[in-house]
Amino acid sequence: MQIAIVLYDGFTALDAVGPYDTLSRLPGAETVFVAERTGPVRNDSGTLALVADSTLEEVTRPDIVVVPGGPEENVRLAQEPLGEWLRTVDAHTTWTTSVCTGSLLLAGAGLLKGRRATSHWLTLEHLPGYGAEPTGERVVFDGKYVTAAGVSSGIDMGLALLGRIGGDEAAQTVQLLIEYDPQPPYDAGSPQKAPAAIVAWMRERSRNMAPGERSA
């Protein structure tokens, strides 16, 4: 089973690493980081890089594709090299997945038309423009397409998909192994729970930023 995790300039690191640390533990899994070119690919802050082992041309029939998100402008710039590849490999994948604004890449490739999907809460409003039905859920399964909400939800997506593939016990074993037992010091991880003033400030900040400054 080959798992292809897509990298592009300005991706959000946890969007890729969360699913990697869960799905890569599937028995027999071959996990490959893939990008337009091989070598280090910098994240959205430019301070961390993951190494792409293979080019898009070299990975033609992955069983699982994971598309991380990033700032909206970075996602837009990545659409051209990734769109055709996503459409091509999607014809053979067992699962096509995304984290955060990665769903905008799937949607932009025409893969989420008529499907329920999620994204970062600040970008959910963009999904209908691609024919997708936005939801506020943390992880959404619609056929073979699995989308996760913002950043940290990629861990949840990875565990949920691992459970579908390997069974509940396998997923529970990985959850225990990585000690994923969230007990955050604050209950402000969604716009429904966070203080209204913070939600309003983030919405206003997002509207006022230049496109390249908006983070996933």
N, C-alpha and C. Protein backbone atom coordinates (compact mmCIF):
# COMPACT_ATOMS: atom_id res chain seq x y z
N MET A 1 0.84 -1.19 0.00
CA MET A 1 0.00 0.00 0.00
C MET A 1 0.88 1.25 0.00
N GLN A 2 0.74 2.06 -1.02
CA GLN A 2 1.54 3.28 -1.10
C GLN A 2 0.71 4.48 -0.66
N ILE A 3 1.27 5.24 0.26
CA ILE A 3 0.64 6.46 0.76
C ILE A 3 1.47 7.64 0.27
N ALA A 4 0.87 8.50 -0.54
CA ALA A 4 1.56 9.66 -1.08
C ALA A 4 1.10 10.91 -0.35
N ILE A 5 2.04 11.57 0.32
CA ILE A 5 1.74 12.83 1.01
C ILE A 5 2.33 13.96 0.17
N VAL A 6 1.47 14.83 -0.28
CA VAL A 6 1.85 15.89 -1.22
C VAL A 6 2.51 17.05 -0.48
N LEU A 7 3.58 17.57 -1.05
CA LEU A 7 4.24 18.77 -0.54
C LEU A 7 4.26 19.83 -1.63
N TYR A 8 4.15 21.08 -1.21
CA TYR A 8 4.28 22.21 -2.13
C TYR A 8 4.77 23.40 -1.32
N ASP A 9 5.32 24.39 -1.98
CA ASP A 9 5.88 25.54 -1.27
C ASP A 9 4.83 26.20 -0.39
N GLY A 10 5.14 26.33 0.91
CA GLY A 10 4.25 27.01 1.82
C GLY A 10 3.14 26.16 2.40
N PHE A 11 3.31 24.82 2.39
CA PHE A 11 2.32 23.96 3.03
C PHE A 11 2.40 24.12 4.55
N THR A 12 1.34 23.70 5.26
CA THR A 12 1.35 23.75 6.72
C THR A 12 1.88 22.42 7.26
N ALA A 13 2.91 22.47 8.07
CA ALA A 13 3.65 21.26 8.45
C ALA A 13 2.79 20.20 9.14
N LEU A 14 2.00 20.60 10.13
CA LEU A 14 1.22 19.60 10.87
C LEU A 14 0.18 18.94 9.99
N ASP A 15 -0.29 19.63 8.96
CA ASP A 15 -1.24 19.04 8.02
C ASP A 15 -0.66 17.79 7.38
N ALA A 16 0.64 17.78 7.14
CA ALA A 16 1.30 16.63 6.53
C ALA A 16 1.80 15.65 7.58
N VAL A 17 2.36 16.16 8.67
CA VAL A 17 3.00 15.30 9.66
C VAL A 17 1.97 14.52 10.49
N GLY A 18 0.81 15.13 10.79
CA GLY A 18 -0.21 14.43 11.56
C GLY A 18 -0.66 13.14 10.88
N PRO A 19 -1.11 13.22 9.61
CA PRO A 19 -1.47 11.99 8.90
C PRO A 19 -0.28 11.04 8.72
N TYR A 20 0.90 11.59 8.51
CA TYR A 20 2.09 10.73 8.37
C TYR A 20 2.29 9.89 9.62
N ASP A 21 2.20 10.51 10.80
CA ASP A 21 2.48 9.80 12.04
C ASP A 21 1.42 8.78 12.40
N THR A 22 0.28 8.80 11.73
CA THR A 22 -0.76 7.81 11.98
C THR A 22 -0.80 6.78 10.85
N LEU A 23 -1.01 7.24 9.63
CA LEU A 23 -1.19 6.31 8.51
C LEU A 23 0.07 5.53 8.16
N SER A 24 1.23 6.11 8.39
CA SER A 24 2.47 5.41 8.02
C SER A 24 2.70 4.17 8.86
N ARG A 25 1.94 4.02 9.95
CA ARG A 25 2.09 2.87 10.83
C ARG A 25 1.22 1.68 10.39
N LEU A 26 0.48 1.84 9.31
CA LEU A 26 -0.26 0.71 8.77
C LEU A 26 0.70 -0.38 8.32
N PRO A 27 0.43 -1.64 8.66
CA PRO A 27 1.31 -2.73 8.21
C PRO A 27 1.44 -2.75 6.68
N GLY A 28 2.67 -2.82 6.22
CA GLY A 28 2.92 -2.88 4.79
C GLY A 28 2.84 -1.55 4.07
N ALA A 29 2.69 -0.47 4.82
CA ALA A 29 2.57 0.84 4.17
C ALA A 29 3.93 1.34 3.68
N GLU A 30 3.93 1.88 2.49
CA GLU A 30 5.09 2.60 1.96
C GLU A 30 4.67 4.06 1.85
N THR A 31 5.28 4.90 2.67
CA THR A 31 4.90 6.31 2.69
C THR A 31 5.92 7.12 1.93
N VAL A 32 5.46 7.92 0.99
CA VAL A 32 6.37 8.73 0.18
C VAL A 32 5.88 10.18 0.20
N PHE A 33 6.82 11.09 0.41
CA PHE A 33 6.53 12.51 0.27
C PHE A 33 6.81 12.88 -1.18
N VAL A 34 5.82 13.49 -1.83
CA VAL A 34 5.92 13.74 -3.26
C VAL A 34 5.68 15.22 -3.55
N ALA A 35 6.43 15.75 -4.51
CA ALA A 35 6.31 17.17 -4.87
C ALA A 35 6.67 17.34 -6.34
N GLU A 36 6.53 18.56 -6.82
CA GLU A 36 6.87 18.84 -8.22
C GLU A 36 8.33 18.51 -8.50
N ARG A 37 9.20 18.76 -7.50
CA ARG A 37 10.62 18.43 -7.59
C ARG A 37 11.05 17.74 -6.31
N THR A 38 12.05 16.90 -6.38
CA THR A 38 12.57 16.26 -5.19
C THR A 38 13.41 17.25 -4.38
N GLY A 39 13.62 16.91 -3.11
CA GLY A 39 14.42 17.76 -2.24
C GLY A 39 13.58 18.43 -1.18
N PRO A 40 14.20 19.32 -0.39
CA PRO A 40 13.48 19.97 0.70
C PRO A 40 12.40 20.93 0.19
N VAL A 41 11.26 20.91 0.88
CA VAL A 41 10.15 21.82 0.56
C VAL A 41 9.80 22.57 1.84
N ARG A 42 9.82 23.88 1.78
CA ARG A 42 9.62 24.71 2.97
C ARG A 42 8.14 24.86 3.33
N ASN A 43 7.89 24.94 4.62
CA ASN A 43 6.51 25.13 5.11
C ASN A 43 6.11 26.60 5.03
N ASP A 44 4.90 26.91 5.54
CA ASP A 44 4.35 28.25 5.38
C ASP A 44 5.12 29.34 6.11
N SER A 45 5.86 28.98 7.15
CA SER A 45 6.66 29.98 7.85
C SER A 45 8.08 30.07 7.28
N GLY A 46 8.45 29.10 6.45
CA GLY A 46 9.78 29.07 5.87
C GLY A 46 10.86 28.58 6.80
N THR A 47 10.48 28.15 8.00
CA THR A 47 11.48 27.77 9.01
C THR A 47 11.66 26.27 9.13
N LEU A 48 10.86 25.50 8.41
CA LEU A 48 10.93 24.04 8.50
C LEU A 48 10.75 23.47 7.10
N ALA A 49 11.48 22.39 6.82
CA ALA A 49 11.35 21.75 5.51
C ALA A 49 11.18 20.25 5.66
N LEU A 50 10.34 19.68 4.81
CA LEU A 50 10.26 18.23 4.66
C LEU A 50 10.85 17.89 3.30
N VAL A 51 11.38 16.68 3.20
CA VAL A 51 12.07 16.29 1.97
C VAL A 51 11.15 15.46 1.08
N ALA A 52 10.97 15.92 -0.14
CA ALA A 52 10.21 15.16 -1.13
C ALA A 52 11.12 14.08 -1.70
N ASP A 53 10.70 12.83 -1.56
CA ASP A 53 11.49 11.70 -2.05
C ASP A 53 11.29 11.48 -3.55
N SER A 54 10.11 11.83 -4.04
CA SER A 54 9.76 11.52 -5.42
C SER A 54 9.05 12.71 -6.06
N THR A 55 9.11 12.76 -7.38
CA THR A 55 8.38 13.79 -8.11
C THR A 55 6.96 13.29 -8.41
N LEU A 56 6.09 14.24 -8.79
CA LEU A 56 4.73 13.87 -9.16
C LEU A 56 4.74 12.86 -10.31
N GLU A 57 5.65 13.03 -11.25
CA GLU A 57 5.72 12.14 -12.41
C GLU A 57 6.09 10.71 -12.01
N GLU A 58 6.81 10.57 -10.90
CA GLU A 58 7.26 9.24 -10.49
C GLU A 58 6.22 8.47 -9.67
N VAL A 59 5.26 9.17 -9.12
CA VAL A 59 4.23 8.52 -8.30
C VAL A 59 2.93 8.55 -9.10
N THR A 60 2.56 7.40 -9.65
CA THR A 60 1.44 7.36 -10.60
C THR A 60 0.22 6.60 -10.11
N ARG A 61 0.39 5.70 -9.13
CA ARG A 61 -0.75 4.89 -8.69
C ARG A 61 -0.75 4.71 -7.17
N PRO A 62 -0.73 5.79 -6.40
CA PRO A 62 -0.77 5.63 -4.94
C PRO A 62 -2.14 5.10 -4.51
N ASP A 63 -2.13 4.34 -3.41
CA ASP A 63 -3.39 3.84 -2.86
C ASP A 63 -4.11 4.92 -2.05
N ILE A 64 -3.31 5.74 -1.37
CA ILE A 64 -3.86 6.83 -0.55
C ILE A 64 -3.10 8.10 -0.89
N VAL A 65 -3.84 9.17 -1.10
CA VAL A 65 -3.24 10.50 -1.30
C VAL A 65 -3.64 11.39 -0.14
N VAL A 66 -2.68 12.10 0.43
CA VAL A 66 -2.94 13.07 1.49
C VAL A 66 -2.49 14.44 1.01
N VAL A 67 -3.41 15.40 0.99
CA VAL A 67 -3.10 16.75 0.52
C VAL A 67 -3.18 17.71 1.71
N PRO A 68 -2.06 18.23 2.18
CA PRO A 68 -2.09 19.20 3.28
C PRO A 68 -2.54 20.56 2.80
N GLY A 69 -2.94 21.40 3.75
CA GLY A 69 -3.32 22.77 3.42
C GLY A 69 -2.16 23.73 3.60
N GLY A 70 -2.48 24.98 3.48
CA GLY A 70 -1.51 26.05 3.63
C GLY A 70 -2.24 27.37 3.48
N PRO A 71 -1.53 28.49 3.56
CA PRO A 71 -2.15 29.79 3.29
C PRO A 71 -2.83 29.79 1.93
N GLU A 72 -3.92 30.52 1.84
CA GLU A 72 -4.74 30.47 0.62
C GLU A 72 -3.97 30.78 -0.66
N GLU A 73 -3.08 31.76 -0.60
CA GLU A 73 -2.31 32.10 -1.79
C GLU A 73 -1.40 30.96 -2.19
N ASN A 74 -0.79 30.28 -1.22
CA ASN A 74 0.09 29.15 -1.52
C ASN A 74 -0.70 28.00 -2.15
N VAL A 75 -1.91 27.78 -1.62
CA VAL A 75 -2.78 26.75 -2.19
C VAL A 75 -3.14 27.10 -3.63
N ARG A 76 -3.45 28.35 -3.88
CA ARG A 76 -3.80 28.77 -5.24
C ARG A 76 -2.64 28.55 -6.20
N LEU A 77 -1.43 28.90 -5.76
CA LEU A 77 -0.26 28.74 -6.62
C LEU A 77 0.05 27.26 -6.88
N ALA A 78 -0.29 26.40 -5.91
CA ALA A 78 -0.02 24.97 -6.05
C ALA A 78 -1.02 24.28 -6.95
N GLN A 79 -2.14 24.95 -7.24
CA GLN A 79 -3.22 24.30 -7.99
C GLN A 79 -2.79 23.86 -9.38
N GLU A 80 -1.99 24.70 -10.06
CA GLU A 80 -1.64 24.37 -11.43
C GLU A 80 -0.79 23.10 -11.53
N PRO A 81 0.32 22.98 -10.78
CA PRO A 81 1.08 21.73 -10.91
C PRO A 81 0.39 20.52 -10.31
N LEU A 82 -0.46 20.72 -9.32
CA LEU A 82 -1.06 19.58 -8.63
C LEU A 82 -2.39 19.13 -9.20
N GLY A 83 -3.15 20.04 -9.79
CA GLY A 83 -4.50 19.72 -10.22
C GLY A 83 -4.57 18.53 -11.16
N GLU A 84 -3.80 18.55 -12.23
CA GLU A 84 -3.84 17.46 -13.21
C GLU A 84 -3.36 16.15 -12.59
N TRP A 85 -2.30 16.24 -11.76
CA TRP A 85 -1.80 15.02 -11.10
C TRP A 85 -2.86 14.42 -10.18
N LEU A 86 -3.56 15.27 -9.42
CA LEU A 86 -4.60 14.78 -8.53
C LEU A 86 -5.72 14.10 -9.31
N ARG A 87 -6.12 14.70 -10.41
CA ARG A 87 -7.17 14.08 -11.22
C ARG A 87 -6.73 12.73 -11.78
N THR A 88 -5.47 12.66 -12.18
CA THR A 88 -4.95 11.43 -12.78
C THR A 88 -4.85 10.30 -11.76
N VAL A 89 -4.21 10.59 -10.62
CA VAL A 89 -4.02 9.51 -9.64
C VAL A 89 -5.33 9.15 -8.94
N ASP A 90 -6.25 10.11 -8.86
CA ASP A 90 -7.52 9.84 -8.20
C ASP A 90 -8.30 8.72 -8.91
N ALA A 91 -8.03 8.51 -10.17
CA ALA A 91 -8.71 7.45 -10.91
C ALA A 91 -8.36 6.07 -10.35
N HIS A 92 -7.25 5.99 -9.60
CA HIS A 92 -6.80 4.69 -9.11
C HIS A 92 -6.72 4.61 -7.59
N THR A 93 -6.88 5.71 -6.89
CA THR A 93 -6.73 5.67 -5.43
C THR A 93 -7.87 4.92 -4.76
N THR A 94 -7.54 4.36 -3.61
CA THR A 94 -8.57 3.79 -2.75
C THR A 94 -9.16 4.88 -1.86
N TRP A 95 -8.29 5.81 -1.43
CA TRP A 95 -8.70 6.94 -0.60
C TRP A 95 -7.99 8.19 -1.08
N THR A 96 -8.73 9.27 -1.23
CA THR A 96 -8.16 10.59 -1.55
C THR A 96 -8.54 11.52 -0.41
N THR A 97 -7.53 12.09 0.25
CA THR A 97 -7.79 12.81 1.49
C THR A 97 -7.12 14.18 1.51
N SER A 98 -7.60 15.01 2.43
CA SER A 98 -7.00 16.34 2.59
C SER A 98 -7.12 16.78 4.04
N VAL A 99 -6.30 17.75 4.39
CA VAL A 99 -6.34 18.38 5.71
C VAL A 99 -6.43 19.89 5.49
N CYS A 100 -7.29 20.54 6.26
CA CYS A 100 -7.38 22.00 6.25
C CYS A 100 -7.70 22.50 4.84
N THR A 101 -6.99 23.52 4.37
CA THR A 101 -7.27 24.08 3.04
C THR A 101 -6.83 23.17 1.91
N GLY A 102 -6.28 22.00 2.24
CA GLY A 102 -6.00 21.01 1.20
C GLY A 102 -7.26 20.61 0.46
N SER A 103 -8.41 20.74 1.13
CA SER A 103 -9.68 20.41 0.45
C SER A 103 -9.95 21.37 -0.71
N LEU A 104 -9.40 22.59 -0.63
CA LEU A 104 -9.57 23.53 -1.74
C LEU A 104 -8.79 23.06 -2.97
N LEU A 105 -7.67 22.36 -2.73
CA LEU A 105 -6.93 21.78 -3.85
C LEU A 105 -7.70 20.64 -4.48
N LEU A 106 -8.29 19.78 -3.64
CA LEU A 106 -9.12 18.70 -4.19
C LEU A 106 -10.32 19.27 -4.93
N ALA A 107 -10.96 20.28 -4.31
CA ALA A 107 -12.14 20.88 -4.93
C ALA A 107 -11.78 21.57 -6.24
N GLY A 108 -10.65 22.27 -6.24
CA GLY A 108 -10.21 22.96 -7.44
C GLY A 108 -9.88 22.01 -8.58
N ALA A 109 -9.52 20.76 -8.22
CA ALA A 109 -9.26 19.74 -9.24
C ALA A 109 -10.54 19.07 -9.71
N GLY A 110 -11.68 19.50 -9.15
CA GLY A 110 -12.97 18.97 -9.56
C GLY A 110 -13.36 17.66 -8.91
N LEU A 111 -12.70 17.32 -7.79
CA LEU A 111 -12.92 16.01 -7.18
C LEU A 111 -14.00 16.01 -6.10
N LEU A 112 -14.46 17.17 -5.69
CA LEU A 112 -15.44 17.23 -4.59
C LEU A 112 -16.81 17.73 -5.03
N LYS A 113 -17.07 17.76 -6.32
CA LYS A 113 -18.38 18.22 -6.80
C LYS A 113 -19.49 17.32 -6.27
N GLY A 114 -20.48 17.96 -5.64
CA GLY A 114 -21.61 17.21 -5.12
C GLY A 114 -21.31 16.43 -3.86
N ARG A 115 -20.14 16.64 -3.28
CA ARG A 115 -19.74 15.89 -2.08
C ARG A 115 -19.69 16.79 -0.85
N ARG A 116 -19.92 16.19 0.30
CA ARG A 116 -19.76 16.87 1.57
C ARG A 116 -18.26 16.95 1.88
N ALA A 117 -17.84 18.08 2.40
CA ALA A 117 -16.42 18.25 2.68
C ALA A 117 -16.25 19.31 3.76
N THR A 118 -15.06 19.32 4.34
CA THR A 118 -14.74 20.33 5.34
C THR A 118 -13.40 20.97 5.02
N SER A 119 -13.06 21.98 5.78
CA SER A 119 -11.83 22.73 5.59
C SER A 119 -11.59 23.54 6.86
N HIS A 120 -10.58 24.38 6.86
CA HIS A 120 -10.41 25.31 7.97
C HIS A 120 -11.65 26.19 8.08
N TRP A 121 -12.06 26.52 9.28
CA TRP A 121 -13.32 27.25 9.45
C TRP A 121 -13.34 28.60 8.75
N LEU A 122 -12.18 29.20 8.55
CA LEU A 122 -12.14 30.48 7.86
C LEU A 122 -12.29 30.35 6.35
N THR A 123 -12.19 29.13 5.82
CA THR A 123 -12.24 28.96 4.36
C THR A 123 -13.39 28.06 3.90
N LEU A 124 -14.24 27.63 4.83
CA LEU A 124 -15.39 26.79 4.45
C LEU A 124 -16.25 27.44 3.38
N GLU A 125 -16.35 28.75 3.43
CA GLU A 125 -17.24 29.48 2.51
C GLU A 125 -16.80 29.36 1.06
N HIS A 126 -15.55 28.93 0.83
CA HIS A 126 -15.06 28.81 -0.55
C HIS A 126 -15.50 27.51 -1.22
N LEU A 127 -15.85 26.49 -0.44
CA LEU A 127 -16.15 25.18 -1.02
C LEU A 127 -17.35 25.18 -1.97
N PRO A 128 -18.45 25.90 -1.65
CA PRO A 128 -19.59 25.88 -2.58
C PRO A 128 -19.24 26.37 -3.98
N GLY A 129 -18.26 27.26 -4.09
CA GLY A 129 -17.86 27.75 -5.40
C GLY A 129 -17.29 26.66 -6.28
N TYR A 130 -16.87 25.55 -5.67
CA TYR A 130 -16.36 24.40 -6.42
C TYR A 130 -17.39 23.28 -6.51
N GLY A 131 -18.61 23.55 -6.05
CA GLY A 131 -19.65 22.54 -6.13
C GLY A 131 -19.68 21.58 -4.97
N ALA A 132 -18.90 21.84 -3.91
CA ALA A 132 -18.89 20.97 -2.73
C ALA A 132 -19.87 21.50 -1.69
N GLU A 133 -20.30 20.62 -0.81
CA GLU A 133 -21.21 20.99 0.27
C GLU A 133 -20.40 21.11 1.57
N PRO A 134 -20.18 22.32 2.08
CA PRO A 134 -19.35 22.48 3.27
C PRO A 134 -20.06 22.02 4.54
N THR A 135 -19.30 21.45 5.44
CA THR A 135 -19.81 21.08 6.75
C THR A 135 -18.84 21.59 7.80
N GLY A 136 -19.30 21.71 9.02
CA GLY A 136 -18.43 22.14 10.10
C GLY A 136 -17.85 20.98 10.87
N GLU A 137 -17.99 19.77 10.33
CA GLU A 137 -17.49 18.59 11.03
C GLU A 137 -15.96 18.53 11.00
N ARG A 138 -15.40 17.81 11.95
CA ARG A 138 -13.94 17.74 12.06
C ARG A 138 -13.34 16.81 11.00
N VAL A 139 -13.98 15.69 10.75
CA VAL A 139 -13.56 14.75 9.72
C VAL A 139 -14.79 14.32 8.94
N VAL A 140 -14.72 14.38 7.62
CA VAL A 140 -15.87 14.04 6.78
C VAL A 140 -15.49 12.94 5.79
N PHE A 141 -16.25 11.85 5.80
CA PHE A 141 -16.12 10.79 4.82
C PHE A 141 -17.26 10.94 3.82
N ASP A 142 -16.95 10.95 2.53
CA ASP A 142 -17.96 10.92 1.48
C ASP A 142 -17.40 10.04 0.37
N GLY A 143 -17.85 8.79 0.36
CA GLY A 143 -17.25 7.83 -0.56
C GLY A 143 -15.80 7.61 -0.18
N LYS A 144 -14.92 7.68 -1.16
CA LYS A 144 -13.50 7.47 -0.88
C LYS A 144 -12.78 8.77 -0.51
N TYR A 145 -13.54 9.87 -0.45
CA TYR A 145 -12.94 11.17 -0.16
C TYR A 145 -13.07 11.47 1.33
N VAL A 146 -11.95 11.83 1.94
CA VAL A 146 -11.93 12.12 3.37
C VAL A 146 -11.28 13.49 3.54
N THR A 147 -12.02 14.42 4.12
CA THR A 147 -11.49 15.75 4.35
C THR A 147 -11.49 16.04 5.84
N ALA A 148 -10.48 16.75 6.29
CA ALA A 148 -10.35 17.11 7.70
C ALA A 148 -10.36 18.63 7.82
N ALA A 149 -10.82 19.11 8.95
CA ALA A 149 -10.88 20.55 9.21
C ALA A 149 -9.46 21.09 9.45
N GLY A 150 -9.32 22.13 10.24
CA GLY A 150 -8.05 22.82 10.38
C GLY A 150 -6.94 22.04 11.06
N VAL A 151 -5.78 22.04 10.45
CA VAL A 151 -4.46 21.66 10.98
C VAL A 151 -4.47 20.42 11.86
N SER A 152 -4.76 20.56 13.16
CA SER A 152 -4.63 19.44 14.09
C SER A 152 -5.60 18.31 13.79
N SER A 153 -6.67 18.58 13.05
CA SER A 153 -7.64 17.54 12.74
C SER A 153 -7.07 16.48 11.80
N GLY A 154 -5.91 16.74 11.22
CA GLY A 154 -5.26 15.73 10.39
C GLY A 154 -4.90 14.49 11.17
N ILE A 155 -4.63 14.64 12.46
CA ILE A 155 -4.36 13.48 13.31
C ILE A 155 -5.64 12.65 13.45
N ASP A 156 -6.76 13.32 13.69
CA ASP A 156 -8.05 12.63 13.79
C ASP A 156 -8.39 11.92 12.49
N MET A 157 -8.15 12.60 11.37
CA MET A 157 -8.43 12.00 10.08
C MET A 157 -7.59 10.75 9.87
N GLY A 158 -6.31 10.84 10.20
CA GLY A 158 -5.43 9.69 10.04
C GLY A 158 -5.89 8.50 10.86
N LEU A 159 -6.27 8.75 12.10
CA LEU A 159 -6.74 7.66 12.97
C LEU A 159 -8.06 7.09 12.47
N ALA A 160 -8.96 7.96 12.04
CA ALA A 160 -10.26 7.49 11.54
C ALA A 160 -10.09 6.63 10.29
N LEU A 161 -9.22 7.05 9.39
CA LEU A 161 -8.98 6.29 8.17
C LEU A 161 -8.25 5.00 8.49
N LEU A 162 -7.30 5.07 9.41
CA LEU A 162 -6.60 3.86 9.82
C LEU A 162 -7.58 2.83 10.37
N GLY A 163 -8.57 3.30 11.14
CA GLY A 163 -9.59 2.41 11.66
C GLY A 163 -10.41 1.77 10.56
N ARG A 164 -10.73 2.54 9.51
CA ARG A 164 -11.49 1.99 8.39
C ARG A 164 -10.70 0.91 7.66
N ILE A 165 -9.39 1.12 7.56
CA ILE A 165 -8.55 0.20 6.80
C ILE A 165 -8.11 -1.00 7.64
N GLY A 166 -7.60 -0.72 8.83
CA GLY A 166 -7.00 -1.78 9.64
C GLY A 166 -7.85 -2.26 10.80
N GLY A 167 -8.97 -1.58 11.05
CA GLY A 167 -9.83 -1.97 12.16
C GLY A 167 -9.61 -1.10 13.38
N ASP A 168 -10.60 -1.14 14.27
CA ASP A 168 -10.58 -0.29 15.45
C ASP A 168 -9.37 -0.56 16.33
N GLU A 169 -9.02 -1.82 16.52
CA GLU A 169 -7.91 -2.14 17.41
C GLU A 169 -6.60 -1.58 16.89
N ALA A 170 -6.40 -1.64 15.58
CA ALA A 170 -5.18 -1.09 14.99
C ALA A 170 -5.11 0.42 15.23
N ALA A 171 -6.25 1.10 15.04
CA ALA A 171 -6.28 2.55 15.25
C ALA A 171 -6.07 2.90 16.72
N GLN A 172 -6.68 2.13 17.60
CA GLN A 172 -6.51 2.37 19.04
C GLN A 172 -5.07 2.13 19.48
N THR A 173 -4.43 1.14 18.86
CA THR A 173 -3.04 0.86 19.19
C THR A 173 -2.14 2.02 18.80
N VAL A 174 -2.37 2.57 17.60
CA VAL A 174 -1.58 3.72 17.16
C VAL A 174 -1.87 4.92 18.03
N GLN A 175 -3.13 5.13 18.37
CA GLN A 175 -3.48 6.27 19.23
C GLN A 175 -2.74 6.19 20.56
N LEU A 176 -2.66 4.99 21.11
CA LEU A 176 -1.94 4.81 22.37
C LEU A 176 -0.45 5.00 22.17
N LEU A 177 0.07 4.47 21.07
CA LEU A 177 1.50 4.57 20.79
C LEU A 177 1.95 6.02 20.71
N ILE A 178 1.14 6.86 20.04
CA ILE A 178 1.52 8.28 19.92
C ILE A 178 0.97 9.10 21.09
N GLU A 179 0.32 8.42 22.01
CA GLU A 179 -0.28 9.04 23.20
C GLU A 179 -1.12 10.26 22.82
N TYR A 180 -2.02 10.02 21.89
CA TYR A 180 -2.91 11.09 21.45
C TYR A 180 -4.11 11.12 22.39
N ASP A 181 -4.02 11.93 23.40
CA ASP A 181 -5.04 12.03 24.44
C ASP A 181 -5.26 13.51 24.74
N PRO A 182 -5.89 14.24 23.80
CA PRO A 182 -5.97 15.70 23.92
C PRO A 182 -6.64 16.17 25.21
N GLN A 183 -5.95 17.01 25.91
CA GLN A 183 -6.48 17.65 27.11
C GLN A 183 -6.01 19.10 27.10
N PRO A 184 -6.49 19.89 26.14
CA PRO A 184 -5.98 21.24 25.97
C PRO A 184 -6.29 22.12 27.19
N PRO A 185 -5.40 23.07 27.45
CA PRO A 185 -5.61 23.95 28.60
C PRO A 185 -6.77 24.93 28.40
N TYR A 186 -7.21 25.10 27.14
CA TYR A 186 -8.32 26.00 26.85
C TYR A 186 -9.33 25.29 25.94
N ASP A 187 -10.58 25.65 26.06
CA ASP A 187 -11.62 25.09 25.21
C ASP A 187 -12.00 26.12 24.16
N ALA A 188 -11.04 26.42 23.29
CA ALA A 188 -11.23 27.47 22.29
C ALA A 188 -10.80 27.01 20.91
N GLY A 189 -10.96 25.71 20.65
CA GLY A 189 -10.44 25.14 19.41
C GLY A 189 -11.38 25.19 18.22
N SER A 190 -12.54 25.82 18.37
CA SER A 190 -13.45 25.98 17.24
C SER A 190 -14.16 27.31 17.40
N PRO A 191 -14.69 27.85 16.30
CA PRO A 191 -15.38 29.15 16.41
C PRO A 191 -16.63 29.07 17.27
N GLN A 192 -17.17 27.87 17.45
CA GLN A 192 -18.34 27.72 18.31
C GLN A 192 -17.98 27.78 19.79
N LYS A 193 -16.73 27.49 20.12
CA LYS A 193 -16.30 27.42 21.52
C LYS A 193 -15.44 28.62 21.94
N ALA A 194 -14.71 29.19 21.01
CA ALA A 194 -13.80 30.28 21.35
C ALA A 194 -14.58 31.54 21.73
N PRO A 195 -13.97 32.41 22.52
CA PRO A 195 -14.63 33.68 22.85
C PRO A 195 -14.99 34.45 21.59
N ALA A 196 -16.18 35.01 21.57
CA ALA A 196 -16.69 35.70 20.38
C ALA A 196 -15.75 36.80 19.90
N ALA A 197 -15.10 37.48 20.83
CA ALA A 197 -14.21 38.58 20.45
C ALA A 197 -13.00 38.06 19.66
N ILE A 198 -12.50 36.88 20.05
CA ILE A 198 -11.36 36.31 19.34
C ILE A 198 -11.78 35.85 17.95
N VAL A 199 -12.95 35.22 17.86
CA VAL A 199 -13.45 34.78 16.56
C VAL A 199 -13.63 35.98 15.62
N ALA A 200 -14.21 37.05 16.13
CA ALA A 200 -14.42 38.25 15.32
C ALA A 200 -13.10 38.86 14.88
N TRP A 201 -12.13 38.88 15.79
CA TRP A 201 -10.81 39.43 15.46
C TRP A 201 -10.14 38.62 14.37
N MET A 202 -10.23 37.28 14.46
CA MET A 202 -9.60 36.44 13.45
C MET A 202 -10.28 36.59 12.09
N ARG A 203 -11.61 36.72 12.09
CA ARG A 203 -12.31 36.92 10.82
C ARG A 203 -11.90 38.25 10.19
N GLU A 204 -11.82 39.29 11.00
CA GLU A 204 -11.44 40.61 10.50
C GLU A 204 -10.00 40.61 10.02
N ARG A 205 -9.13 39.96 10.76
CA ARG A 205 -7.72 39.87 10.39
C ARG A 205 -7.58 39.14 9.06
N SER A 206 -8.34 38.06 8.89
CA SER A 206 -8.28 37.30 7.64
C SER A 206 -8.75 38.14 6.46
N ARG A 207 -9.80 38.92 6.65
CA ARG A 207 -10.31 39.76 5.57
C ARG A 207 -9.32 40.86 5.17
N ASN A 208 -8.58 41.37 6.15
CA ASN A 208 -7.70 42.50 5.90
C ASN A 208 -6.31 42.10 5.41
N MET A 209 -5.97 40.82 5.54
CA MET A 209 -4.65 40.38 5.11
C MET A 209 -4.56 40.32 3.59
N ALA A 210 -3.34 40.52 3.10
CA ALA A 210 -3.09 40.21 1.69
C ALA A 210 -3.21 38.71 1.54
N PRO A 211 -3.62 38.23 0.35
CA PRO A 211 -3.84 36.80 0.18
C PRO A 211 -2.68 35.93 0.62
N GLY A 212 -1.46 36.33 0.32
CA GLY A 212 -0.30 35.52 0.67
C GLY A 212 -0.03 35.44 2.16
N GLU A 213 -0.68 36.30 2.95
CA GLU A 213 -0.43 36.30 4.39
C GLU A 213 -1.42 35.42 5.14
N ARG A 214 -2.49 34.98 4.48
CA ARG A 214 -3.52 34.22 5.18
C ARG A 214 -3.02 32.81 5.44
N SER A 215 -3.08 32.41 6.68
CA SER A 215 -2.59 31.07 7.02
C SER A 215 -3.74 30.10 7.15
N ALA A 216 -3.41 28.81 6.97
CA ALA A 216 -4.44 27.77 7.07
C ALA A 216 -4.79 27.51 8.51
